[in-house]
């Protein structure tokens, strides 16, 4: 997939939502809860390892999987 194709896919399928918090120290916990709940396939942090994520980590590192 080219960078342009990925960008088009992200524009069509992904959204960004801002959250206002009075206590900035809680944002890390909030991020972890959201990611664990939604389990986005391209996210590598705060989620369980899967064969797809192992492959993705290798691709992002530029190595073989």
C-alpha atoms as a PDB file:
ATOM      1  CA  UNK A   1       0.000   0.000   0.000  1.00  0.00           C
ATOM      2  CA  UNK A   2       1.422   3.375  -0.939  1.00  0.00           C
ATOM      3  CA  UNK A   3       1.602   6.323   1.429  1.00  0.00           C
ATOM      4  CA  UNK A   4      -1.129   8.042  -0.603  1.00  0.00           C
ATOM      5  CA  UNK A   5      -3.424   5.011  -0.369  1.00  0.00           C
ATOM      6  CA  UNK A   6      -2.850   4.769   3.376  1.00  0.00           C
ATOM      7  CA  UNK A   7      -3.567   8.480   3.802  1.00  0.00           C
ATOM      8  CA  UNK A   8      -6.815   8.152   1.821  1.00  0.00           C
ATOM      9  CA  UNK A   9      -7.850   5.122   3.892  1.00  0.00           C
ATOM     10  CA  UNK A  10      -7.132   6.953   7.148  1.00  0.00           C
ATOM     11  CA  UNK A  11      -9.089  10.022   6.024  1.00  0.00           C
ATOM     12  CA  UNK A  12     -12.077   7.808   5.262  1.00  0.00           C
ATOM     13  CA  UNK A  13     -11.977   5.527   8.310  1.00  0.00           C
ATOM     14  CA  UNK A  14     -10.325   7.330  11.225  1.00  0.00           C
ATOM     15  CA  UNK A  15     -11.438  10.206  13.411  1.00  0.00           C
ATOM     16  CA  UNK A  16      -9.744  12.290  16.066  1.00  0.00           C
ATOM     17  CA  UNK A  17     -11.652  13.326  19.150  1.00  0.00           C
ATOM     18  CA  UNK A  18     -10.348  15.748  21.725  1.00  0.00           C
ATOM     19  CA  UNK A  19     -11.047  15.220  25.407  1.00  0.00           C
ATOM     20  CA  UNK A  20     -10.865  17.995  27.960  1.00  0.00           C
ATOM     21  CA  UNK A  21      -9.533  16.961  31.326  1.00  0.00           C
ATOM     22  CA  UNK A  22      -9.040  19.006  34.470  1.00  0.00           C
ATOM     23  CA  UNK A  23      -6.343  16.578  35.613  1.00  0.00           C
ATOM     24  CA  UNK A  24      -3.668  16.039  32.968  1.00  0.00           C
ATOM     25  CA  UNK A  25      -2.129  13.199  34.994  1.00  0.00           C
ATOM     26  CA  UNK A  26      -5.138  11.006  34.156  1.00  0.00           C
ATOM     27  CA  UNK A  27      -4.765  11.259  30.364  1.00  0.00           C
ATOM     28  CA  UNK A  28      -2.375   8.306  30.122  1.00  0.00           C
ATOM     29  CA  UNK A  29      -4.860   6.062  31.927  1.00  0.00           C
ATOM     30  CA  UNK A  30      -7.672   7.358  29.721  1.00  0.00           C
ATOM     31  CA  UNK A  31      -5.648   6.592  26.581  1.00  0.00           C
ATOM     32  CA  UNK A  32      -4.927   3.072  27.806  1.00  0.00           C
ATOM     33  CA  UNK A  33      -8.633   2.438  28.555  1.00  0.00           C
ATOM     34  CA  UNK A  34      -9.768   3.736  25.151  1.00  0.00           C
ATOM     35  CA  UNK A  35      -7.166   1.725  23.231  1.00  0.00           C
ATOM     36  CA  UNK A  36      -7.922  -1.456  25.169  1.00  0.00           C
ATOM     37  CA  UNK A  37     -11.654  -0.990  24.592  1.00  0.00           C
ATOM     38  CA  UNK A  38     -11.435  -0.207  20.870  1.00  0.00           C
ATOM     39  CA  UNK A  39      -8.472  -2.557  20.182  1.00  0.00           C
ATOM     40  CA  UNK A  40      -7.426  -0.703  16.994  1.00  0.00           C
ATOM     41  CA  UNK A  41      -5.503  -3.142  14.779  1.00  0.00           C
ATOM     42  CA  UNK A  42      -2.680  -0.743  13.901  1.00  0.00           C
ATOM     43  CA  UNK A  43      -2.034   0.265  17.511  1.00  0.00           C
ATOM     44  CA  UNK A  44       0.877  -1.502  19.179  1.00  0.00           C
ATOM     45  CA  UNK A  45       0.743   0.147  22.611  1.00  0.00           C
ATOM     46  CA  UNK A  46      -1.593  -0.880  25.449  1.00  0.00           C
ATOM     47  CA  UNK A  47      -2.954  -3.928  23.571  1.00  0.00           C
ATOM     48  CA  UNK A  48      -2.321  -7.658  23.568  1.00  0.00           C
ATOM     49  CA  UNK A  49       0.254  -9.055  21.167  1.00  0.00           C
ATOM     50  CA  UNK A  50      -1.143 -10.834  18.135  1.00  0.00           C
ATOM     51  CA  UNK A  51       0.492 -12.375  15.053  1.00  0.00           C
ATOM     52  CA  UNK A  52      -0.649  -9.369  13.008  1.00  0.00           C
ATOM     53  CA  UNK A  53       0.894  -6.927  15.498  1.00  0.00           C
ATOM     54  CA  UNK A  54       4.184  -8.853  15.519  1.00  0.00           C
ATOM     55  CA  UNK A  55       4.274  -8.547  11.726  1.00  0.00           C
ATOM     56  CA  UNK A  56       3.359  -4.862  11.905  1.00  0.00           C
ATOM     57  CA  UNK A  57       6.083  -4.168  14.472  1.00  0.00           C
ATOM     58  CA  UNK A  58       8.624  -5.835  12.178  1.00  0.00           C
ATOM     59  CA  UNK A  59       7.438  -3.876   9.147  1.00  0.00           C
ATOM     60  CA  UNK A  60       7.603  -0.596  11.049  1.00  0.00           C
ATOM     61  CA  UNK A  61      11.134  -1.442  12.184  1.00  0.00           C
ATOM     62  CA  UNK A  62      12.108  -2.092   8.579  1.00  0.00           C
ATOM     63  CA  UNK A  63      13.059  -5.684   9.249  1.00  0.00           C
ATOM     64  CA  UNK A  64      11.799  -9.076   8.212  1.00  0.00           C
ATOM     65  CA  UNK A  65       9.090 -10.774  10.217  1.00  0.00           C
END
